[in-house]
Amino acid sequence: MEQLIIAAAISFGAGAFGYVLYRFFFVPILHYRNIRKRIATAIAVYSGKTEQQAELRKLAAELSDCHDMEVPVWYRLSLQKQGIHPLDAAADLQTLANTKQAGHVERRVAAIRKALGIATNASST
């Protein structure tokens, strides 16, 4: 009977540890990566329509919120070390949503790709 209690305690501890690891590490990182992929898709097809501008603003807000409130500090430091700056990308997304000239749009898209570490070809992200 004592072995059963020990086994139950160990399995409960392992399950609790797994839940904490999943909930506070994996979910926020996967959410950040999902937003990053959505941004890559949005800027690849951006043509300046009103709906697209609203979507870029929404993605900028989501990216900023995710970076500031969800992503663990160690992952933020890792991104910074890799030269990836999500908050700069969010600012550029907001600016892109208000940009009309083609040359400026291209420069903003390039800045967003650089800030998020997205390759020129959106399918390779």
C-alpha atoms as a PDB file:
ATOM      1  CA  MET A   1       0.000   0.000   0.000  1.00  0.00           C
ATOM      2  CA  GLU A   2       2.881   2.347   0.807  1.00  0.00           C
ATOM      3  CA  GLN A   3       4.376   1.817  -2.669  1.00  0.00           C
ATOM      4  CA  LEU A   4       1.063   2.741  -4.246  1.00  0.00           C
ATOM      5  CA  ILE A   5       0.982   6.030  -2.350  1.00  0.00           C
ATOM      6  CA  ILE A   6       4.567   6.809  -3.351  1.00  0.00           C
ATOM      7  CA  ALA A   7       3.826   5.988  -7.002  1.00  0.00           C
ATOM      8  CA  ALA A   8       0.698   8.162  -6.918  1.00  0.00           C
ATOM      9  CA  ALA A   9       2.632  11.060  -5.384  1.00  0.00           C
ATOM     10  CA  ILE A  10       5.399  10.779  -7.972  1.00  0.00           C
ATOM     11  CA  SER A  11       2.944  10.627 -10.855  1.00  0.00           C
ATOM     12  CA  PHE A  12       1.006  13.602  -9.446  1.00  0.00           C
ATOM     13  CA  GLY A  13       4.235  15.599  -9.130  1.00  0.00           C
ATOM     14  CA  ALA A  14       5.309  14.693 -12.656  1.00  0.00           C
ATOM     15  CA  GLY A  15       1.873  15.627 -14.010  1.00  0.00           C
ATOM     16  CA  ALA A  16       1.864  18.949 -12.160  1.00  0.00           C
ATOM     17  CA  PHE A  17       5.370  19.737 -13.414  1.00  0.00           C
ATOM     18  CA  GLY A  18       4.351  18.836 -16.971  1.00  0.00           C
ATOM     19  CA  TYR A  19       1.288  21.056 -16.777  1.00  0.00           C
ATOM     20  CA  VAL A  20       3.302  24.040 -15.513  1.00  0.00           C
ATOM     21  CA  LEU A  21       5.922  23.474 -18.198  1.00  0.00           C
ATOM     22  CA  TYR A  22       3.279  23.229 -20.921  1.00  0.00           C
ATOM     23  CA  ARG A  23       1.084  26.102 -19.720  1.00  0.00           C
ATOM     24  CA  PHE A  24       3.762  28.660 -18.907  1.00  0.00           C
ATOM     25  CA  PHE A  25       6.483  27.814 -21.421  1.00  0.00           C
ATOM     26  CA  PHE A  26       5.211  25.920 -24.460  1.00  0.00           C
ATOM     27  CA  VAL A  27       1.851  27.661 -24.971  1.00  0.00           C
ATOM     28  CA  PRO A  28       3.237  31.242 -24.941  1.00  0.00           C
ATOM     29  CA  ILE A  29       6.117  30.343 -27.270  1.00  0.00           C
ATOM     30  CA  LEU A  30       3.794  28.546 -29.681  1.00  0.00           C
ATOM     31  CA  HIS A  31       1.423  31.525 -29.558  1.00  0.00           C
ATOM     32  CA  TYR A  32       4.298  33.898 -30.405  1.00  0.00           C
ATOM     33  CA  ARG A  33       5.371  31.704 -33.317  1.00  0.00           C
ATOM     34  CA  ASN A  34       1.794  31.531 -34.591  1.00  0.00           C
ATOM     35  CA  ILE A  35       1.528  35.340 -34.549  1.00  0.00           C
ATOM     36  CA  ARG A  36       4.877  35.557 -36.346  1.00  0.00           C
ATOM     37  CA  LYS A  37       3.631  33.225 -39.103  1.00  0.00           C
ATOM     38  CA  ARG A  38       0.412  35.219 -39.446  1.00  0.00           C
ATOM     39  CA  ILE A  39       2.463  38.409 -39.799  1.00  0.00           C
ATOM     40  CA  ALA A  40       4.655  36.792 -42.468  1.00  0.00           C
ATOM     41  CA  THR A  41       1.541  35.829 -44.416  1.00  0.00           C
ATOM     42  CA  ALA A  42      -0.094  39.244 -43.958  1.00  0.00           C
ATOM     43  CA  ILE A  43       2.910  41.228 -45.181  1.00  0.00           C
ATOM     44  CA  ALA A  44       3.460  38.867 -48.111  1.00  0.00           C
ATOM     45  CA  VAL A  45       0.012  39.670 -49.517  1.00  0.00           C
ATOM     46  CA  TYR A  46      -0.303  43.266 -48.299  1.00  0.00           C
ATOM     47  CA  SER A  47      -1.757  45.642 -50.873  1.00  0.00           C
ATOM     48  CA  GLY A  48      -3.006  48.512 -48.704  1.00  0.00           C
ATOM     49  CA  LYS A  49      -6.696  47.637 -48.488  1.00  0.00           C
ATOM     50  CA  THR A  50      -8.626  48.859 -45.446  1.00  0.00           C
ATOM     51  CA  GLU A  51      -9.245  45.314 -44.180  1.00  0.00           C
ATOM     52  CA  GLN A  52      -5.550  44.521 -44.449  1.00  0.00           C
ATOM     53  CA  GLN A  53      -4.642  47.688 -42.584  1.00  0.00           C
ATOM     54  CA  ALA A  54      -6.977  46.710 -39.740  1.00  0.00           C
ATOM     55  CA  GLU A  55      -5.471  43.219 -39.685  1.00  0.00           C
ATOM     56  CA  LEU A  56      -1.932  44.651 -39.475  1.00  0.00           C
ATOM     57  CA  ARG A  57      -2.942  46.859 -36.550  1.00  0.00           C
ATOM     58  CA  LYS A  58      -4.515  43.870 -34.809  1.00  0.00           C
ATOM     59  CA  LEU A  59      -1.411  41.742 -35.397  1.00  0.00           C
ATOM     60  CA  ALA A  60       0.830  44.530 -34.079  1.00  0.00           C
ATOM     61  CA  ALA A  61      -1.207  44.710 -30.876  1.00  0.00           C
ATOM     62  CA  GLU A  62      -1.207  40.911 -30.504  1.00  0.00           C
ATOM     63  CA  LEU A  63       2.538  40.730 -31.060  1.00  0.00           C
ATOM     64  CA  SER A  64       3.229  43.460 -28.532  1.00  0.00           C
ATOM     65  CA  ASP A  65       0.919  41.908 -25.923  1.00  0.00           C
ATOM     66  CA  CYS A  66       2.308  38.435 -26.458  1.00  0.00           C
ATOM     67  CA  HIS A  67       5.894  39.646 -26.171  1.00  0.00           C
ATOM     68  CA  ASP A  68       5.281  41.745 -23.059  1.00  0.00           C
ATOM     69  CA  MET A  69       2.878  39.542 -21.112  1.00  0.00           C
ATOM     70  CA  GLU A  70       3.165  35.934 -22.252  1.00  0.00           C
ATOM     71  CA  VAL A  71       6.616  35.058 -23.535  1.00  0.00           C
ATOM     72  CA  PRO A  72       9.023  33.987 -20.754  1.00  0.00           C
ATOM     73  CA  VAL A  73      11.912  36.317 -19.996  1.00  0.00           C
ATOM     74  CA  TRP A  74      14.532  33.750 -20.988  1.00  0.00           C
ATOM     75  CA  TYR A  75      12.898  33.395 -24.425  1.00  0.00           C
ATOM     76  CA  ARG A  76      12.836  37.177 -24.879  1.00  0.00           C
ATOM     77  CA  LEU A  77      16.536  37.273 -24.084  1.00  0.00           C
ATOM     78  CA  SER A  78      17.121  34.456 -26.572  1.00  0.00           C
ATOM     79  CA  LEU A  79      15.246  36.377 -29.267  1.00  0.00           C
ATOM     80  CA  GLN A  80      17.241  39.513 -28.505  1.00  0.00           C
ATOM     81  CA  LYS A  81      20.489  37.563 -28.735  1.00  0.00           C
ATOM     82  CA  GLN A  82      19.402  36.257 -32.164  1.00  0.00           C
ATOM     83  CA  GLY A  83      18.718  39.824 -33.323  1.00  0.00           C
ATOM     84  CA  ILE A  84      14.941  39.413 -33.332  1.00  0.00           C
ATOM     85  CA  HIS A  85      13.059  42.442 -31.998  1.00  0.00           C
ATOM     86  CA  PRO A  86       9.275  41.874 -31.872  1.00  0.00           C
ATOM     87  CA  LEU A  87       8.480  45.305 -30.422  1.00  0.00           C
ATOM     88  CA  ASP A  88      10.293  47.018 -33.294  1.00  0.00           C
ATOM     89  CA  ALA A  89       8.321  44.824 -35.702  1.00  0.00           C
ATOM     90  CA  ALA A  90       5.057  45.827 -33.976  1.00  0.00           C
ATOM     91  CA  ALA A  91       5.929  49.512 -34.407  1.00  0.00           C
ATOM     92  CA  ASP A  92       6.784  48.921 -38.065  1.00  0.00           C
ATOM     93  CA  LEU A  93       3.498  47.038 -38.550  1.00  0.00           C
ATOM     94  CA  GLN A  94       1.585  50.039 -37.223  1.00  0.00           C
ATOM     95  CA  THR A  95       3.517  52.317 -39.549  1.00  0.00           C
ATOM     96  CA  LEU A  96       2.983  49.967 -42.496  1.00  0.00           C
ATOM     97  CA  ALA A  97      -0.770  50.038 -41.889  1.00  0.00           C
ATOM     98  CA  ASN A  98      -0.665  53.829 -42.421  1.00  0.00           C
ATOM     99  CA  THR A  99       1.706  53.822 -45.406  1.00  0.00           C
ATOM    100  CA  LYS A 100       0.427  54.400 -48.940  1.00  0.00           C
ATOM    101  CA  GLN A 101       3.532  54.796 -51.138  1.00  0.00           C
ATOM    102  CA  ALA A 102       4.941  51.615 -52.666  1.00  0.00           C
ATOM    103  CA  GLY A 103       8.570  52.425 -51.876  1.00  0.00           C
ATOM    104  CA  HIS A 104       7.766  53.065 -48.239  1.00  0.00           C
ATOM    105  CA  VAL A 105       5.714  49.862 -48.056  1.00  0.00           C
ATOM    106  CA  GLU A 106       8.661  47.828 -49.367  1.00  0.00           C
ATOM    107  CA  ARG A 107      11.022  49.382 -46.818  1.00  0.00           C
ATOM    108  CA  ARG A 108       8.601  48.711 -43.956  1.00  0.00           C
ATOM    109  CA  VAL A 109       8.059  45.109 -45.052  1.00  0.00           C
ATOM    110  CA  ALA A 110      11.831  44.606 -45.188  1.00  0.00           C
ATOM    111  CA  ALA A 111      12.202  46.146 -41.711  1.00  0.00           C
ATOM    112  CA  ILE A 112       9.470  43.876 -40.312  1.00  0.00           C
ATOM    113  CA  ARG A 113      11.075  40.800 -41.843  1.00  0.00           C
ATOM    114  CA  LYS A 114      14.446  41.768 -40.398  1.00  0.00           C
ATOM    115  CA  ALA A 115      13.012  42.526 -36.949  1.00  0.00           C
ATOM    116  CA  LEU A 116      11.213  39.166 -36.799  1.00  0.00           C
ATOM    117  CA  GLY A 117      13.933  37.140 -38.503  1.00  0.00           C
ATOM    118  CA  ILE A 118      11.624  36.177 -41.370  1.00  0.00           C
ATOM    119  CA  ALA A 119      13.232  35.066 -44.606  1.00  0.00           C
ATOM    120  CA  THR A 120      12.354  36.954 -47.778  1.00  0.00           C
ATOM    121  CA  ASN A 121      10.323  33.980 -48.985  1.00  0.00           C
ATOM    122  CA  ALA A 122       7.323  33.688 -46.608  1.00  0.00           C
ATOM    123  CA  SER A 123       7.059  29.915 -47.164  1.00  0.00           C
ATOM    124  CA  SER A 124      10.440  29.308 -45.487  1.00  0.00           C
ATOM    125  CA  THR A 125       9.396  30.611 -42.036  1.00  0.00           C
END
